[in-house]
Amino acid sequence: MQHEEPTMTDVLNRIDGLHQAMDTRFTGLEKEIKAGFEGVEEDFAAVNEEFNVIREKLDTLDGRLTGVETRLTGVETRLTGVESTMVDKPYLDRALADLKTDLTADMRQQDKKTNLLIDAIERNKVISAKEAGAIRSAGPFSSLHPR
């Protein structure tokens, strides 16, 4: 059994056969790939349209948030002004204590004048000592004048 060498024509025929087989396979693969991508462009267009709708809504929301932010800035400014002029409890406590001190001092001054007047009226015998004591006991500091 002798093995015969292939001729150049045989080799070219085999290469041509392989070429045709490969071409058939690549054509089939190309068709499968195209079939796999059918509708992808439409899908991308639909997704892009949905993104555009979302983008528009976000732009609207951004505008509304900017408006809210502007209003909140105004509220913060007004609130800062109110806080700076607002009276707090410690301030009120001090003011009331000062007022009480001032009123007590004024009342003592008035009581002193009243007692001087009562003493003068009593000395001139216009009222009795009992009447003077009754008048003094009606004053704001009656416990300070035991007569």
Protein backbone atom coordinates (compact mmCIF):
# COMPACT_ATOMS: atom_id res chain seq x y z
CA MET A 1 0.00 0.00 0.00
CA GLN A 2 1.56 2.99 -1.21
CA HIS A 3 0.54 6.37 -0.10
CA GLU A 4 0.31 8.88 -2.87
CA GLU A 5 1.13 12.54 -2.37
CA PRO A 6 -1.73 14.99 -3.03
CA THR A 7 -1.40 17.25 -5.95
CA MET A 8 -1.61 20.99 -5.87
CA THR A 9 -5.12 20.83 -7.29
CA ASP A 10 -6.14 18.46 -4.55
CA VAL A 11 -4.81 20.86 -1.91
CA LEU A 12 -6.53 23.84 -3.52
CA ASN A 13 -9.81 21.92 -3.79
CA ARG A 14 -9.62 21.03 -0.12
CA ILE A 15 -8.85 24.65 0.83
CA ASP A 16 -11.76 25.82 -1.31
CA GLY A 17 -14.04 23.29 0.44
CA LEU A 18 -12.89 24.50 3.85
CA HIS A 19 -13.41 28.06 2.71
CA GLN A 20 -17.00 27.33 1.66
CA ALA A 21 -17.72 25.48 4.90
CA MET A 22 -16.30 28.36 6.95
CA ASP A 23 -18.24 30.88 4.89
CA THR A 24 -21.46 28.94 5.51
CA ARG A 25 -20.75 28.77 9.23
CA PHE A 26 -19.90 32.50 9.48
CA THR A 27 -23.01 33.41 7.50
CA GLY A 28 -25.12 31.34 9.90
CA LEU A 29 -23.38 32.92 12.91
CA GLU A 30 -23.92 36.37 11.42
CA LYS A 31 -27.64 35.65 11.00
CA GLU A 32 -27.91 34.40 14.59
CA ILE A 33 -26.14 37.51 15.92
CA LYS A 34 -28.40 39.79 13.86
CA ALA A 35 -31.47 37.90 15.09
CA GLY A 36 -30.25 38.33 18.68
CA PHE A 37 -29.96 42.06 18.22
CA GLU A 38 -33.33 42.50 16.49
CA GLY A 39 -35.44 44.92 18.50
CA VAL A 40 -32.46 46.19 20.52
CA GLU A 41 -32.54 49.54 18.75
CA GLU A 42 -36.26 49.88 19.51
CA ASP A 43 -35.60 48.88 23.12
CA PHE A 44 -32.83 51.48 23.39
CA ALA A 45 -35.13 54.12 21.86
CA ALA A 46 -37.87 53.26 24.39
CA VAL A 47 -35.40 53.38 27.29
CA ASN A 48 -34.02 56.68 26.02
CA GLU A 49 -37.56 58.09 25.85
CA GLU A 50 -38.24 56.97 29.42
CA PHE A 51 -34.97 58.58 30.54
CA ASN A 52 -36.05 61.81 28.86
CA VAL A 53 -39.36 61.73 30.75
CA ILE A 54 -37.52 61.08 34.02
CA ARG A 55 -35.04 63.88 33.21
CA GLU A 56 -37.94 66.31 32.63
CA LYS A 57 -39.52 65.32 35.94
CA LEU A 58 -36.20 65.74 37.73
CA ASP A 59 -35.75 69.17 36.15
CA THR A 60 -39.23 70.15 37.37
CA LEU A 61 -38.46 68.77 40.81
CA ASP A 62 -35.15 70.64 40.85
CA GLY A 63 -36.98 73.88 40.09
CA ARG A 64 -39.49 73.24 42.86
CA LEU A 65 -36.73 72.39 45.33
CA THR A 66 -34.91 75.58 44.42
CA GLY A 67 -38.12 77.48 45.19
CA VAL A 68 -38.48 75.71 48.53
CA GLU A 69 -34.84 76.40 49.33
CA THR A 70 -35.35 80.10 48.57
CA ARG A 71 -38.41 80.22 50.82
CA LEU A 72 -36.57 78.40 53.62
CA THR A 73 -33.72 80.89 53.37
CA GLY A 74 -36.26 83.69 53.85
CA VAL A 75 -37.79 81.89 56.82
CA GLU A 76 -34.34 81.37 58.36
CA THR A 77 -33.58 85.07 57.94
CA ARG A 78 -36.85 86.09 59.59
CA LEU A 79 -36.39 83.51 62.36
CA THR A 80 -32.90 84.82 63.07
CA GLY A 81 -34.37 88.31 63.37
CA VAL A 82 -37.08 87.09 65.74
CA GLU A 83 -34.57 85.18 67.84
CA SER A 84 -32.31 88.22 68.12
CA THR A 85 -35.15 90.42 69.39
CA MET A 86 -37.03 87.78 71.36
CA VAL A 87 -37.16 88.07 75.12
CA ASP A 88 -36.09 84.91 76.95
CA LYS A 89 -37.09 83.70 80.43
CA PRO A 90 -33.89 84.73 82.24
CA TYR A 91 -34.26 88.26 80.84
CA LEU A 92 -37.91 88.39 81.96
CA ASP A 93 -36.96 87.09 85.40
CA ARG A 94 -34.34 89.84 85.78
CA ALA A 95 -36.71 92.51 84.48
CA LEU A 96 -39.47 91.42 86.88
CA ALA A 97 -37.05 91.33 89.81
CA ASP A 98 -35.85 94.84 88.93
CA LEU A 99 -39.45 96.05 88.64
CA LYS A 100 -40.37 94.49 91.98
CA THR A 101 -37.37 96.21 93.59
CA ASP A 102 -38.32 99.56 92.04
CA LEU A 103 -41.97 99.21 93.08
CA THR A 104 -41.02 98.20 96.61
CA ALA A 105 -38.73 101.23 96.90
CA ASP A 106 -41.51 103.51 95.60
CA MET A 107 -44.02 101.96 98.00
CA ARG A 108 -41.63 102.42 100.94
CA GLN A 109 -41.18 106.06 99.96
CA GLN A 110 -44.96 106.53 99.76
CA ASP A 111 -45.43 104.68 103.06
CA LYS A 112 -42.80 106.90 104.70
CA LYS A 113 -44.59 110.03 103.47
CA THR A 114 -47.96 108.66 104.59
CA ASN A 115 -46.60 107.89 108.06
CA LEU A 116 -45.08 111.39 108.34
CA LEU A 117 -48.48 112.84 107.42
CA ILE A 118 -50.26 110.56 109.94
CA ASP A 119 -47.74 111.58 112.64
CA ALA A 120 -48.31 115.29 111.88
CA ILE A 121 -52.10 114.91 111.96
CA GLU A 122 -51.88 112.96 115.22
CA ARG A 123 -49.54 115.56 116.82
CA ASN A 124 -51.95 118.34 115.92
CA LYS A 125 -54.69 116.33 117.64
CA VAL A 126 -56.81 116.00 114.49
CA ILE A 127 -56.99 112.20 114.98
CA SER A 128 -56.44 110.02 118.03
CA ALA A 129 -53.54 107.60 118.51
CA LYS A 130 -55.98 104.70 118.00
CA GLU A 131 -57.14 106.16 114.66
CA ALA A 132 -53.53 106.78 113.60
CA GLY A 133 -52.70 103.13 114.39
CA ALA A 134 -55.71 101.93 112.38
CA ILE A 135 -54.63 104.03 109.40
CA ARG A 136 -51.03 102.74 109.66
CA SER A 137 -52.22 99.11 109.85
CA ALA A 138 -53.94 99.54 106.48
CA GLY A 139 -50.64 100.49 104.76
CA PRO A 140 -48.44 98.14 102.73
CA PHE A 141 -45.80 97.88 105.46
CA SER A 142 -48.13 97.84 108.46
CA SER A 143 -46.05 95.29 110.36
CA LEU A 144 -43.14 97.74 110.38
CA HIS A 145 -45.20 100.37 112.28
CA PRO A 146 -46.47 98.81 115.52
CA ARG A 147 -48.14 101.66 117.40
